[in-house]
């Protein structure tokens, strides 16, 4: 019998605004599989659904606006069910496409 996965894929994307925040400062620390922190910013004046992405104290940018609405609702409701990781790093790409992130939802452990 196949063992059930403990996580479910939710989204993957390049970090929006990577060139405007601490991306260049943190670039050498970004490795595939590195865990990232998602922080909702409901008072963001540009996007009420904004979700910032951090590596420790480095603000890397944001979850792209086109895909942040559902994730923002869950985070703003107080549920921290998402785990985000560096999926790809490529310094040869355009700066806004150098880092790709994958987000998983942790499966309910009750069964």
C-alpha atoms as a PDB file:
ATOM      1  CA  UNK A   1       0.000   0.000   0.000  1.00  0.00           C
ATOM      2  CA  UNK A   2       1.273   3.443  -0.946  1.00  0.00           C
ATOM      3  CA  UNK A   3       2.147   5.808   1.902  1.00  0.00           C
ATOM      4  CA  UNK A   4       0.115   9.026   1.781  1.00  0.00           C
ATOM      5  CA  UNK A   5       1.938  12.290   1.288  1.00  0.00           C
ATOM      6  CA  UNK A   6       1.974  14.681   4.243  1.00  0.00           C
ATOM      7  CA  UNK A   7       1.753  17.709   1.998  1.00  0.00           C
ATOM      8  CA  UNK A   8      -0.207  18.850  -1.008  1.00  0.00           C
ATOM      9  CA  UNK A   9       1.092  21.156  -3.727  1.00  0.00           C
ATOM     10  CA  UNK A  10      -0.687  24.526  -3.620  1.00  0.00           C
ATOM     11  CA  UNK A  11       1.242  26.894  -5.912  1.00  0.00           C
ATOM     12  CA  UNK A  12       4.552  27.732  -7.512  1.00  0.00           C
ATOM     13  CA  UNK A  13       5.688  31.092  -8.856  1.00  0.00           C
ATOM     14  CA  UNK A  14       8.562  33.522  -9.292  1.00  0.00           C
ATOM     15  CA  UNK A  15       8.913  36.128  -6.552  1.00  0.00           C
ATOM     16  CA  UNK A  16       7.288  39.431  -7.517  1.00  0.00           C
ATOM     17  CA  UNK A  17       9.384  42.515  -6.804  1.00  0.00           C
ATOM     18  CA  UNK A  18      12.568  40.535  -6.178  1.00  0.00           C
ATOM     19  CA  UNK A  19      14.741  43.386  -7.537  1.00  0.00           C
ATOM     20  CA  UNK A  20      13.113  45.998  -5.282  1.00  0.00           C
ATOM     21  CA  UNK A  21      13.746  44.411  -1.897  1.00  0.00           C
ATOM     22  CA  UNK A  22      16.578  42.325  -0.381  1.00  0.00           C
ATOM     23  CA  UNK A  23      16.864  39.791  -3.216  1.00  0.00           C
ATOM     24  CA  UNK A  24      20.375  40.818  -4.229  1.00  0.00           C
ATOM     25  CA  UNK A  25      21.563  40.772  -0.605  1.00  0.00           C
ATOM     26  CA  UNK A  26      20.139  37.313   0.062  1.00  0.00           C
ATOM     27  CA  UNK A  27      20.822  35.737  -3.332  1.00  0.00           C
ATOM     28  CA  UNK A  28      23.898  33.771  -2.202  1.00  0.00           C
ATOM     29  CA  UNK A  29      21.880  32.240   0.649  1.00  0.00           C
ATOM     30  CA  UNK A  30      19.058  31.010  -1.568  1.00  0.00           C
ATOM     31  CA  UNK A  31      19.422  27.290  -2.167  1.00  0.00           C
ATOM     32  CA  UNK A  32      16.918  24.797  -3.541  1.00  0.00           C
ATOM     33  CA  UNK A  33      14.841  23.448  -0.667  1.00  0.00           C
ATOM     34  CA  UNK A  34      15.498  26.407   1.639  1.00  0.00           C
ATOM     35  CA  UNK A  35      12.395  27.185   3.713  1.00  0.00           C
ATOM     36  CA  UNK A  36      10.862  30.635   3.308  1.00  0.00           C
ATOM     37  CA  UNK A  37       8.403  32.546   5.461  1.00  0.00           C
ATOM     38  CA  UNK A  38       5.107  33.932   4.147  1.00  0.00           C
ATOM     39  CA  UNK A  39       3.797  37.052   5.921  1.00  0.00           C
ATOM     40  CA  UNK A  40       0.395  38.515   5.122  1.00  0.00           C
ATOM     41  CA  UNK A  41       0.240  42.315   4.762  1.00  0.00           C
ATOM     42  CA  UNK A  42      -3.501  43.172   4.924  1.00  0.00           C
ATOM     43  CA  UNK A  43      -2.704  46.884   5.391  1.00  0.00           C
ATOM     44  CA  UNK A  44      -0.496  47.054   2.287  1.00  0.00           C
ATOM     45  CA  UNK A  45      -1.611  50.227   0.438  1.00  0.00           C
ATOM     46  CA  UNK A  46      -1.078  48.678  -3.022  1.00  0.00           C
ATOM     47  CA  UNK A  47      -2.662  45.240  -2.512  1.00  0.00           C
ATOM     48  CA  UNK A  48      -4.856  44.226   0.458  1.00  0.00           C
ATOM     49  CA  UNK A  49      -4.036  40.565  -0.327  1.00  0.00           C
ATOM     50  CA  UNK A  50      -0.258  41.123  -0.323  1.00  0.00           C
ATOM     51  CA  UNK A  51       1.905  38.319   1.070  1.00  0.00           C
ATOM     52  CA  UNK A  52       5.572  39.108   1.628  1.00  0.00           C
ATOM     53  CA  UNK A  53       8.215  36.393   1.290  1.00  0.00           C
ATOM     54  CA  UNK A  54      11.143  36.333   3.722  1.00  0.00           C
ATOM     55  CA  UNK A  55      14.366  34.415   4.160  1.00  0.00           C
ATOM     56  CA  UNK A  56      15.167  35.090   7.805  1.00  0.00           C
ATOM     57  CA  UNK A  57      15.241  38.935   8.000  1.00  0.00           C
ATOM     58  CA  UNK A  58      15.592  39.428   4.242  1.00  0.00           C
ATOM     59  CA  UNK A  59      12.416  40.538   2.503  1.00  0.00           C
ATOM     60  CA  UNK A  60      12.645  38.921  -0.929  1.00  0.00           C
ATOM     61  CA  UNK A  61       9.453  40.299  -2.456  1.00  0.00           C
ATOM     62  CA  UNK A  62       5.875  39.073  -2.761  1.00  0.00           C
ATOM     63  CA  UNK A  63       3.618  36.268  -3.871  1.00  0.00           C
ATOM     64  CA  UNK A  64       2.432  37.508  -7.291  1.00  0.00           C
ATOM     65  CA  UNK A  65      -0.852  39.412  -7.131  1.00  0.00           C
ATOM     66  CA  UNK A  66      -2.474  37.076  -9.675  1.00  0.00           C
ATOM     67  CA  UNK A  67      -2.276  34.171  -7.196  1.00  0.00           C
ATOM     68  CA  UNK A  68      -2.361  35.639  -3.700  1.00  0.00           C
ATOM     69  CA  UNK A  69      -6.074  36.056  -2.958  1.00  0.00           C
ATOM     70  CA  UNK A  70      -6.907  32.593  -1.603  1.00  0.00           C
ATOM     71  CA  UNK A  71      -3.642  32.271   0.293  1.00  0.00           C
ATOM     72  CA  UNK A  72      -4.199  35.705   1.847  1.00  0.00           C
ATOM     73  CA  UNK A  73      -7.700  34.784   3.043  1.00  0.00           C
ATOM     74  CA  UNK A  74      -6.368  31.702   4.816  1.00  0.00           C
ATOM     75  CA  UNK A  75      -3.432  33.559   6.422  1.00  0.00           C
ATOM     76  CA  UNK A  76      -5.607  36.495   7.489  1.00  0.00           C
ATOM     77  CA  UNK A  77      -8.034  34.065   9.136  1.00  0.00           C
ATOM     78  CA  UNK A  78      -5.164  32.942  11.381  1.00  0.00           C
ATOM     79  CA  UNK A  79      -4.318  29.622   9.720  1.00  0.00           C
ATOM     80  CA  UNK A  80      -0.623  29.124   9.027  1.00  0.00           C
ATOM     81  CA  UNK A  81      -0.939  25.972   6.922  1.00  0.00           C
ATOM     82  CA  UNK A  82       1.454  26.890   4.121  1.00  0.00           C
ATOM     83  CA  UNK A  83       5.073  25.835   3.779  1.00  0.00           C
ATOM     84  CA  UNK A  84       7.102  27.682   1.148  1.00  0.00           C
ATOM     85  CA  UNK A  85      10.480  26.586  -0.252  1.00  0.00           C
ATOM     86  CA  UNK A  86      12.963  27.750  -2.845  1.00  0.00           C
ATOM     87  CA  UNK A  87      12.259  25.631  -5.915  1.00  0.00           C
ATOM     88  CA  UNK A  88      14.732  27.102  -8.422  1.00  0.00           C
ATOM     89  CA  UNK A  89      17.598  29.605  -8.408  1.00  0.00           C
ATOM     90  CA  UNK A  90      19.144  30.796 -11.669  1.00  0.00           C
ATOM     91  CA  UNK A  91      21.316  33.902 -11.724  1.00  0.00           C
ATOM     92  CA  UNK A  92      21.301  33.919 -15.529  1.00  0.00           C
ATOM     93  CA  UNK A  93      17.562  34.653 -15.742  1.00  0.00           C
ATOM     94  CA  UNK A  94      15.971  38.103 -15.688  1.00  0.00           C
ATOM     95  CA  UNK A  95      16.069  39.321 -12.033  1.00  0.00           C
ATOM     96  CA  UNK A  96      12.301  38.910 -11.626  1.00  0.00           C
ATOM     97  CA  UNK A  97      12.619  35.267 -12.733  1.00  0.00           C
ATOM     98  CA  UNK A  98      15.773  34.233 -10.860  1.00  0.00           C
ATOM     99  CA  UNK A  99      14.013  32.588  -7.915  1.00  0.00           C
ATOM    100  CA  UNK A 100      11.041  30.257  -8.100  1.00  0.00           C
ATOM    101  CA  UNK A 101       9.050  29.260  -5.011  1.00  0.00           C
ATOM    102  CA  UNK A 102       6.858  26.228  -4.353  1.00  0.00           C
ATOM    103  CA  UNK A 103       4.117  26.316  -1.701  1.00  0.00           C
ATOM    104  CA  UNK A 104       2.613  23.262  -0.053  1.00  0.00           C
ATOM    105  CA  UNK A 105      -0.344  22.821   2.292  1.00  0.00           C
ATOM    106  CA  UNK A 106       0.293  20.469   5.191  1.00  0.00           C
ATOM    107  CA  UNK A 107      -2.261  17.688   5.126  1.00  0.00           C
ATOM    108  CA  UNK A 108      -4.631  17.212   8.041  1.00  0.00           C
ATOM    109  CA  UNK A 109      -3.050  14.631  10.337  1.00  0.00           C
ATOM    110  CA  UNK A 110      -6.383  13.236  11.559  1.00  0.00           C
ATOM    111  CA  UNK A 111      -7.290   9.968   9.806  1.00  0.00           C
END
